[in-house]
Amino acid sequence: MKSRIAVLETPGQPLVVDEVDLPDPKEGQVRVKLFASGICHSQLHQIHNPATPVPTLLGHEATGVVEAVGQAVTHVKEGDHVIVTWLPRAAKPGDTSPQPIEVPWRGGVARGPVFTWAERTVAPQEYVVKIPRDVPTAVTSIVGCAVMTGCGAAYNTAQVRQGESVVVFGVGGVGLCIVSAAAVLGASPIIAVDLADEKLEFARRFGATVVVNASRTDAVEEVRKLTGGGADYAFDAIGVQETMAQVLQATRPGSFGLNSGGTSVLVGVPQGNADLPMRDLLIGERKYIASLGGSGRPETDFPRYLAWYDEGRLKLDDLVTRRYRLEQINDALRDLQEGRIAGRSIIEY
């Protein structure tokens, strides 16, 4: 089966788009014709990492329709609409990572565990989740990573409750999903912190009740003032050294013998290590935890997030702000790298 596909041949260089002969699905695999794919910021780290093995296949969130299934595929069939994601749909003890998918590429092979920057993909069945056929297929392509990661950080990892205070450092696509989930869960206040006024105003659409521009004020001190000493939950959706420390400092301290302190949640992919004030962590009995993929279990999480979208509480139509063709993938990556994307961008096929 012919398919156009984007491949990273050299770290840090533009991707190459070409047509390949996609292999038939093997046992336990599914071939999916894609409708749309999200463009995730974490892929930029992979593209610019000199250690990335090449040629490599990229993209890890998409919607599509099943074209063919291999032997032993049990939960989807030809014609089903699905979300392709990077976490197993229902992980079980003893599960191992699947072998990377291999695609013929210019006399060799290109590899990737999951790839969605292509007209068609072949994926292990564990990374494909069936969705109703009447679900819109463009904006829901970001459920497989951005929504799963951001909403899951608030819902699954932190388990935010009604009336608790939340601050989110970094309101890109994932950060806005944290804000959205916090609003659905009834958090108050919901504070968005970023460096750009336009991003902060955009965050109000998704439930941010207060915004703080960290380029003009001490964000930690401002959060402490707004929350009477610190937030119940502080989320880092960026992962740089400064914000990894700020989310600890922005949480409330506990009172010895009465209650524990707030919780810091690392969501963004960390770019190096952080210098954390460990005394504040201990004396305030604060907690610092991580949320990988929103502690996701796609088989149960995706229906929840799609229901929020259907009810108008998760504004995916507003969150997706730019759309590209596959041939424009390098333009899309450049726009993302240079901060031109509010919310999330997608490729439409």
Protein backbone atom coordinates (compact mmCIF):
# COMPACT_ATOMS: atom_id res chain seq x y z
CA MET A 1 0.00 0.00 0.00
CA LYS A 2 1.45 3.36 -1.08
CA SER A 3 1.68 6.14 1.47
CA ARG A 4 3.38 9.51 1.72
CA ILE A 5 5.37 9.80 4.91
CA ALA A 6 7.63 12.30 6.71
CA VAL A 7 11.01 10.97 7.86
CA LEU A 8 13.81 12.48 9.94
CA GLU A 9 17.03 11.56 8.13
CA THR A 10 19.43 13.85 10.03
CA PRO A 11 18.89 15.25 13.56
CA GLY A 12 18.26 18.98 13.47
CA GLN A 13 17.57 19.04 9.73
CA PRO A 14 14.25 19.39 7.86
CA LEU A 15 12.13 16.27 7.50
CA VAL A 16 11.87 14.58 4.12
CA VAL A 17 8.43 13.74 2.68
CA ASP A 18 8.26 10.93 0.16
CA GLU A 19 6.09 8.03 -0.93
CA VAL A 20 6.82 4.54 0.40
CA ASP A 21 5.41 1.03 0.11
CA LEU A 22 3.82 0.57 3.51
CA PRO A 23 4.03 -3.05 4.73
CA ASP A 24 0.92 -5.07 5.43
CA PRO A 25 0.05 -5.35 9.13
CA LYS A 26 1.66 -8.30 10.88
CA GLU A 27 0.12 -10.28 13.71
CA GLY A 28 -1.31 -7.90 16.29
CA GLN A 29 -0.93 -4.87 14.03
CA VAL A 30 -3.41 -2.51 12.38
CA ARG A 31 -3.11 -0.37 9.25
CA VAL A 32 -4.89 2.95 9.59
CA LYS A 33 -5.66 5.58 6.94
CA LEU A 34 -5.25 8.83 8.85
CA PHE A 35 -7.64 11.78 8.94
CA ALA A 36 -5.44 14.15 10.97
CA SER A 37 -2.44 14.19 13.30
CA GLY A 38 -1.38 16.51 16.08
CA ILE A 39 2.02 18.23 16.07
CA CYS A 40 3.51 17.81 19.53
CA HIS A 41 6.25 19.99 20.99
CA SER A 42 8.01 16.93 22.40
CA GLN A 43 8.79 15.88 18.84
CA LEU A 44 10.97 18.99 18.50
CA HIS A 45 13.18 17.63 21.27
CA GLN A 46 13.50 14.37 19.38
CA ILE A 47 14.24 16.09 16.08
CA HIS A 48 17.02 18.22 17.58
CA ASN A 49 18.53 15.50 19.76
CA PRO A 50 21.85 14.36 18.19
CA ALA A 51 21.33 10.93 19.79
CA THR A 52 18.09 10.25 17.92
CA PRO A 53 18.60 7.17 15.72
CA VAL A 54 17.89 7.90 12.07
CA PRO A 55 16.08 7.52 9.80
CA THR A 56 13.18 7.75 12.23
CA LEU A 57 9.38 8.03 12.01
CA LEU A 58 7.59 10.73 13.97
CA GLY A 59 4.15 11.76 15.21
CA HIS A 60 2.20 10.04 17.98
CA GLU A 61 -1.38 11.33 18.08
CA ALA A 62 -3.92 10.97 15.28
CA THR A 63 -7.37 9.92 14.14
CA GLY A 64 -8.07 7.56 11.27
CA VAL A 65 -10.06 4.65 9.87
CA VAL A 66 -8.88 1.05 10.03
CA GLU A 67 -8.04 -0.29 6.56
CA ALA A 68 -6.64 -3.70 7.46
CA VAL A 69 -5.86 -5.82 10.49
CA GLY A 70 -3.32 -8.58 11.10
CA GLN A 71 -3.97 -11.87 12.79
CA ALA A 72 -4.95 -11.85 16.48
CA VAL A 73 -6.35 -8.30 16.38
CA THR A 74 -9.41 -8.46 18.60
CA HIS A 75 -10.77 -5.04 19.48
CA VAL A 76 -10.97 -3.22 16.11
CA LYS A 77 -11.96 -4.19 12.58
CA GLU A 78 -11.86 -2.70 9.09
CA GLY A 79 -13.97 0.45 8.88
CA ASP A 80 -13.68 1.39 12.56
CA HIS A 81 -12.74 4.98 13.40
CA VAL A 82 -9.85 5.10 15.86
CA ILE A 83 -7.41 7.30 17.75
CA VAL A 84 -3.75 6.38 17.45
CA THR A 85 -1.75 7.17 20.58
CA TRP A 86 1.62 6.46 22.22
CA LEU A 87 0.43 4.82 25.44
CA PRO A 88 -1.04 1.29 25.46
CA ARG A 89 -4.82 1.42 25.62
CA ALA A 90 -5.06 -0.79 28.71
CA ALA A 91 -1.65 -1.67 30.13
CA LYS A 92 -1.35 -4.89 32.14
CA PRO A 93 1.41 -6.18 34.45
CA GLY A 94 4.13 -7.88 32.48
CA ASP A 95 3.47 -5.96 29.24
CA THR A 96 6.58 -5.23 27.21
CA SER A 97 7.19 -2.52 24.66
CA PRO A 98 6.35 -3.64 21.11
CA GLN A 99 8.98 -3.88 18.44
CA PRO A 100 9.35 -0.65 16.42
CA ILE A 101 7.48 -0.49 13.14
CA GLU A 102 9.82 -0.67 10.14
CA VAL A 103 9.06 1.01 6.83
CA PRO A 104 11.18 0.64 3.68
CA TRP A 105 13.07 3.90 3.12
CA ARG A 106 15.50 4.62 0.29
CA GLY A 107 17.30 1.29 0.30
CA GLY A 108 17.03 0.78 4.07
CA VAL A 109 14.37 1.09 6.73
CA ALA A 110 12.98 3.89 8.88
CA ARG A 111 11.73 2.97 12.33
CA GLY A 112 9.36 4.27 14.97
CA PRO A 113 7.28 2.78 17.79
CA VAL A 114 4.26 4.79 16.55
CA PHE A 115 4.16 7.23 13.64
CA THR A 116 1.37 9.54 12.47
CA TRP A 117 3.08 12.07 10.18
CA ALA A 118 2.01 9.96 7.24
CA GLU A 119 -1.09 9.39 5.13
CA ARG A 120 -1.24 5.86 6.50
CA THR A 121 0.33 4.16 9.49
CA VAL A 122 0.84 0.65 10.79
CA ALA A 123 0.57 0.41 14.57
CA PRO A 124 0.41 -2.26 17.26
CA GLN A 125 -3.23 -2.83 18.19
CA GLU A 126 -2.48 -1.79 21.80
CA TYR A 127 -1.94 1.78 20.56
CA VAL A 128 -5.22 2.08 18.68
CA VAL A 129 -8.47 3.02 20.47
CA LYS A 130 -11.88 2.71 18.81
CA ILE A 131 -14.13 5.80 18.82
CA PRO A 132 -17.71 6.36 17.57
CA ARG A 133 -18.00 7.11 13.86
CA ASP A 134 -19.93 10.33 14.50
CA VAL A 135 -17.05 11.95 16.46
CA PRO A 136 -15.42 14.79 14.47
CA THR A 137 -12.10 13.52 13.18
CA ALA A 138 -9.90 16.63 12.83
CA VAL A 139 -9.77 18.37 16.21
CA THR A 140 -9.99 15.07 18.12
CA SER A 141 -6.64 14.02 16.63
CA ILE A 142 -4.96 15.75 19.59
CA VAL A 143 -6.73 13.58 22.16
CA GLY A 144 -3.98 10.95 21.76
CA CYS A 145 -1.32 13.15 23.39
CA ALA A 146 -2.11 16.80 24.22
CA VAL A 147 -5.50 16.10 25.77
CA MET A 148 -4.47 12.81 27.37
CA THR A 149 -1.38 14.46 28.89
CA GLY A 150 -2.88 17.75 30.04
CA CYS A 151 -6.34 16.68 31.15
CA GLY A 152 -4.93 13.52 32.67
CA ALA A 153 -2.40 15.47 34.75
CA ALA A 154 -5.28 17.22 36.52
CA TYR A 155 -7.80 14.35 36.51
CA ASN A 156 -5.66 11.24 37.03
CA THR A 157 -2.33 12.34 38.50
CA ALA A 158 -3.24 15.24 40.78
CA GLN A 159 -6.92 14.36 41.20
CA VAL A 160 -7.89 18.02 41.55
CA ARG A 161 -11.13 18.56 43.47
CA GLN A 162 -13.76 21.27 43.43
CA GLY A 163 -12.69 24.51 45.09
CA GLU A 164 -8.96 23.72 45.09
CA SER A 165 -6.56 26.28 43.65
CA VAL A 166 -4.53 25.52 40.53
CA VAL A 167 -1.69 27.34 38.78
CA VAL A 168 -0.37 26.27 35.37
CA PHE A 169 3.07 27.42 34.21
CA GLY A 170 3.07 27.44 30.40
CA VAL A 171 -0.19 27.60 28.46
CA GLY A 172 0.68 25.93 25.18
CA GLY A 173 -1.43 23.02 23.97
CA VAL A 174 -0.80 20.77 26.98
CA GLY A 175 -1.03 23.62 29.49
CA LEU A 176 -4.39 24.68 28.08
CA CYS A 177 -5.64 21.12 28.51
CA ILE A 178 -4.61 21.25 32.18
CA VAL A 179 -6.53 24.53 32.51
CA SER A 180 -9.54 22.98 30.77
CA ALA A 181 -9.63 19.93 33.02
CA ALA A 182 -9.18 22.07 36.13
CA ALA A 183 -12.23 24.09 35.04
CA VAL A 184 -14.28 20.95 34.43
CA LEU A 185 -13.30 19.69 37.90
CA GLY A 186 -14.40 22.95 39.54
CA ALA A 187 -10.99 24.27 40.65
CA SER A 188 -10.84 27.88 41.85
CA PRO A 189 -8.93 30.01 41.19
CA ILE A 190 -7.27 28.75 38.02
CA ILE A 191 -4.12 30.80 37.40
CA ALA A 192 -2.32 30.77 34.05
CA VAL A 193 1.34 31.84 33.95
CA ASP A 194 3.20 32.58 30.73
CA LEU A 195 5.45 35.16 29.10
CA ALA A 196 3.08 36.37 26.35
CA ASP A 197 -0.07 38.42 26.90
CA GLU A 198 -1.79 36.94 23.85
CA LYS A 199 -1.31 33.39 25.17
CA LEU A 200 -2.62 34.41 28.58
CA GLU A 201 -5.73 36.03 27.12
CA PHE A 202 -6.24 32.90 25.00
CA ALA A 203 -6.09 30.80 28.20
CA ARG A 204 -9.15 32.61 29.54
CA ARG A 205 -11.23 30.86 26.85
CA PHE A 206 -10.41 27.53 28.48
CA GLY A 207 -11.18 28.45 32.08
CA ALA A 208 -8.25 30.47 33.42
CA THR A 209 -9.71 32.92 35.94
CA VAL A 210 -6.49 34.87 36.61
CA VAL A 211 -3.45 35.40 34.38
CA VAL A 212 0.13 36.31 35.32
CA ASN A 213 2.75 37.53 32.85
CA ALA A 214 6.05 36.21 34.25
CA SER A 215 8.04 38.59 32.05
CA ARG A 216 6.76 41.56 34.06
CA THR A 217 6.40 40.26 37.62
CA ASP A 218 7.66 37.64 40.04
CA ALA A 219 5.24 34.86 39.14
CA VAL A 220 5.78 32.90 42.36
CA GLU A 221 5.13 35.91 44.58
CA GLU A 222 2.06 36.82 42.52
CA VAL A 223 0.65 33.30 42.86
CA ARG A 224 1.23 33.38 46.62
CA LYS A 225 -0.68 36.67 46.87
CA LEU A 226 -3.55 35.41 44.74
CA THR A 227 -3.93 32.18 46.72
CA GLY A 228 -3.19 33.36 50.24
CA GLY A 229 0.17 31.63 50.53
CA GLY A 230 0.41 29.23 47.61
CA ALA A 231 -1.67 27.03 45.33
CA ASP A 232 -2.99 23.59 46.16
CA TYR A 233 -1.59 22.38 42.81
CA ALA A 234 1.10 23.87 40.57
CA PHE A 235 1.66 22.31 37.15
CA ASP A 236 4.80 22.76 35.03
CA ALA A 237 3.82 22.28 31.38
CA ILE A 238 7.22 23.49 30.12
CA GLY A 239 10.01 21.51 31.80
CA VAL A 240 12.82 24.08 31.89
CA GLN A 241 15.02 24.53 34.96
CA GLU A 242 13.32 27.74 36.12
CA THR A 243 9.73 26.51 35.94
CA MET A 244 10.56 23.14 37.54
CA ALA A 245 11.69 25.10 40.62
CA GLN A 246 8.89 27.66 40.45
CA VAL A 247 6.11 25.10 40.69
CA LEU A 248 7.49 23.95 44.04
CA GLN A 249 7.81 27.50 45.35
CA ALA A 250 4.29 28.38 44.14
CA THR A 251 2.54 25.70 46.22
CA ARG A 252 1.22 26.36 49.71
CA PRO A 253 3.15 25.12 52.75
CA GLY A 254 1.47 22.77 55.18
CA SER A 255 0.97 23.35 58.90
CA PHE A 256 2.90 20.89 61.05
CA GLY A 257 0.54 18.48 62.74
CA LEU A 258 -2.50 19.87 60.93
CA ASN A 259 -2.20 19.39 57.16
CA SER A 260 0.33 18.74 54.43
CA GLY A 261 1.31 21.27 51.78
CA GLY A 262 0.48 21.63 48.13
CA THR A 263 1.49 19.45 45.21
CA SER A 264 3.80 20.31 42.32
CA VAL A 265 3.26 18.32 39.12
CA LEU A 266 5.91 18.02 36.40
CA VAL A 267 4.16 17.53 33.05
CA GLY A 268 6.49 19.06 30.45
CA VAL A 269 9.45 17.03 29.21
CA PRO A 270 12.36 18.18 31.43
CA GLN A 271 15.24 19.85 29.61
CA GLY A 272 17.97 19.05 32.12
CA ASN A 273 17.90 19.12 35.92
CA ALA A 274 16.45 21.62 38.38
CA ASP A 275 17.91 23.20 41.51
CA LEU A 276 15.03 22.61 43.94
CA PRO A 277 14.76 24.22 47.40
CA MET A 278 14.54 20.91 49.24
CA ARG A 279 14.12 22.59 52.63
CA ASP A 280 10.87 24.13 51.38
CA LEU A 281 9.79 20.68 50.25
CA LEU A 282 10.45 19.16 53.68
CA ILE A 283 9.43 21.93 56.06
CA GLY A 284 6.21 22.67 54.18
CA GLU A 285 5.56 18.94 53.69
CA ARG A 286 4.90 19.66 50.04
CA LYS A 287 4.77 16.98 47.37
CA TYR A 288 6.55 16.95 44.01
CA ILE A 289 5.28 14.38 41.53
CA ALA A 290 5.46 13.65 37.82
CA SER A 291 2.74 12.99 35.29
CA LEU A 292 3.81 11.00 32.22
CA GLY A 293 1.12 11.12 29.55
CA GLY A 294 -1.39 12.24 32.16
CA SER A 295 -1.07 8.87 33.95
CA GLY A 296 -3.19 7.80 31.01
CA ARG A 297 -5.25 4.71 30.39
CA PRO A 298 -6.58 5.52 26.91
CA GLU A 299 -9.33 2.91 26.83
CA THR A 300 -11.14 4.59 29.73
CA ASP A 301 -9.77 8.14 29.46
CA PHE A 302 -10.56 8.85 25.81
CA PRO A 303 -14.34 8.31 26.13
CA ARG A 304 -14.32 10.72 29.10
CA TYR A 305 -12.50 13.47 27.20
CA LEU A 306 -14.66 12.96 24.10
CA ALA A 307 -17.74 13.32 26.32
CA TRP A 308 -16.36 16.58 27.72
CA TYR A 309 -15.90 17.77 24.14
CA ASP A 310 -19.42 16.73 23.17
CA GLU A 311 -20.80 18.58 26.20
CA GLY A 312 -18.92 21.75 25.23
CA ARG A 313 -16.64 21.64 28.29
CA LEU A 314 -13.45 20.74 26.40
CA LYS A 315 -13.09 23.30 23.59
CA LEU A 316 -11.07 21.40 21.04
CA ASP A 317 -12.40 23.53 18.17
CA ASP A 318 -10.81 26.56 19.84
CA LEU A 319 -7.67 24.69 20.89
CA VAL A 320 -6.74 23.70 17.32
CA THR A 321 -5.67 26.99 15.77
CA ARG A 322 -3.52 26.02 12.77
CA ARG A 323 -3.86 23.32 10.12
CA TYR A 324 -1.22 22.15 7.65
CA ARG A 325 -0.78 19.63 4.85
CA LEU A 326 1.84 16.91 5.17
CA GLU A 327 4.02 18.75 2.61
CA GLN A 328 4.08 21.70 5.03
CA ILE A 329 5.44 19.71 7.98
CA ASN A 330 8.69 21.70 8.14
CA ASP A 331 6.76 24.99 8.07
CA ALA A 332 4.59 23.65 10.89
CA LEU A 333 7.63 22.68 12.96
CA ARG A 334 9.25 26.07 12.36
CA ASP A 335 6.09 27.87 13.47
CA LEU A 336 5.95 25.74 16.60
CA GLN A 337 9.64 26.25 17.36
CA GLU A 338 9.34 30.02 16.98
CA GLY A 339 6.27 30.31 19.22
CA ARG A 340 3.73 31.18 16.53
CA ILE A 341 1.21 28.51 17.57
CA ALA A 342 -1.49 29.28 20.10
CA GLY A 343 -2.97 26.04 21.37
CA ARG A 344 -2.26 23.11 19.07
CA SER A 345 -1.61 22.67 15.37
CA ILE A 346 -2.51 19.64 13.27
CA ILE A 347 -1.83 18.02 9.91
CA GLU A 348 -4.91 17.18 7.86
CA TYR A 349 -4.76 14.45 5.21
